[in-house]
Amino acid sequence: MECPIAYLITFTTYGTWLHGDKRGSVDKEHNRYNSAFVNQNSGLNRKEQITLKNPPFILEQSKRERWF
C-alpha cells in the first residue's frame, strides 16, 4: 500500500518529546509517510532542552481525564 487509508492523530505536550530523543522524532527532513525518524542525538536533545522558554508540560492523570 503506497498511501494510508486513514490517519492516527497523536500529540505530545510542550517540551516532552524533543528532537534527538531516544524514541526518535520527526523534523522537516523526516516528515514523509514511511520515512525514517531523526536518530537519537543527546547533544541535539540537550540543546533543545536549554532553549525551552517554559518547563515541559506534563499531563498528569487528572488533567488527561479532563481532556477526554
Protein backbone atom coordinates (compact mmCIF):
# COMPACT_ATOMS: atom_id res chain seq x y z
CA MET A 1 0.00 0.00 0.00
CA GLU A 2 1.54 3.31 -1.03
CA CYS A 3 -0.88 5.67 0.63
CA PRO A 4 -2.57 5.26 4.02
CA ILE A 5 -6.36 4.93 4.05
CA ALA A 6 -6.64 6.51 7.50
CA TYR A 7 -4.62 8.69 9.84
CA LEU A 8 -3.91 8.30 13.53
CA ILE A 9 -3.56 11.72 15.08
CA THR A 10 -1.43 11.90 18.19
CA PHE A 11 0.20 14.75 20.03
CA THR A 12 2.66 15.50 22.79
CA THR A 13 2.73 18.42 25.13
CA TYR A 14 5.26 21.24 25.21
CA GLY A 15 8.82 20.10 25.87
CA THR A 16 8.12 16.40 26.45
CA TRP A 17 9.46 14.95 23.18
CA LEU A 18 12.28 16.95 21.65
CA HIS A 19 14.43 16.25 18.59
CA GLY A 20 17.28 13.89 19.41
CA ASP A 21 15.16 11.93 21.91
CA LYS A 22 15.92 8.19 22.09
CA ARG A 23 12.34 7.45 20.97
CA GLY A 24 13.05 9.16 17.64
CA SER A 25 11.36 12.27 16.32
CA VAL A 26 10.21 13.97 13.14
CA ASP A 27 11.58 17.19 11.65
CA LYS A 28 11.18 18.89 8.27
CA GLU A 29 13.52 16.42 6.55
CA HIS A 30 11.83 13.36 8.10
CA ASN A 31 8.19 14.39 7.68
CA ARG A 32 7.02 11.98 5.00
CA TYR A 33 4.93 8.83 5.22
CA ASN A 34 7.09 5.78 5.90
CA SER A 35 10.35 7.76 6.23
CA ALA A 36 12.93 7.22 8.97
CA PHE A 37 12.85 9.19 12.21
CA VAL A 38 15.56 11.58 13.41
CA ASN A 39 18.17 9.44 15.19
CA GLN A 40 18.95 9.72 18.88
CA ASN A 41 21.32 12.62 19.46
CA SER A 42 21.97 13.65 23.07
CA GLY A 43 23.66 16.91 22.00
CA LEU A 44 20.66 18.00 19.93
CA ASN A 45 18.26 16.93 22.68
CA ARG A 46 20.18 18.92 25.32
CA LYS A 47 20.30 21.97 23.04
CA GLU A 48 16.52 21.87 22.64
CA GLN A 49 16.02 21.44 26.40
CA ILE A 50 18.12 24.54 27.05
CA THR A 51 16.13 26.63 24.57
CA LEU A 52 12.72 25.84 26.13
CA LYS A 53 11.03 29.06 27.25
CA ASN A 54 8.87 27.25 29.83
CA PRO A 55 9.12 23.99 31.76
CA PRO A 56 7.82 20.90 29.96
CA PHE A 57 4.05 20.50 30.33
CA ILE A 58 3.17 17.04 31.61
CA LEU A 59 -0.44 15.89 31.67
CA GLU A 60 -0.98 14.04 34.94
CA GLN A 61 -3.84 11.54 35.17
CA SER A 62 -6.33 14.14 36.47
CA LYS A 63 -5.51 16.51 33.59
CA ARG A 64 -5.77 13.75 30.98
CA GLU A 65 -9.25 12.82 32.24
CA ARG A 66 -10.49 16.38 31.69
CA TRP A 67 -9.46 16.29 28.01
CA PHE A 68 -11.32 13.11 27.07
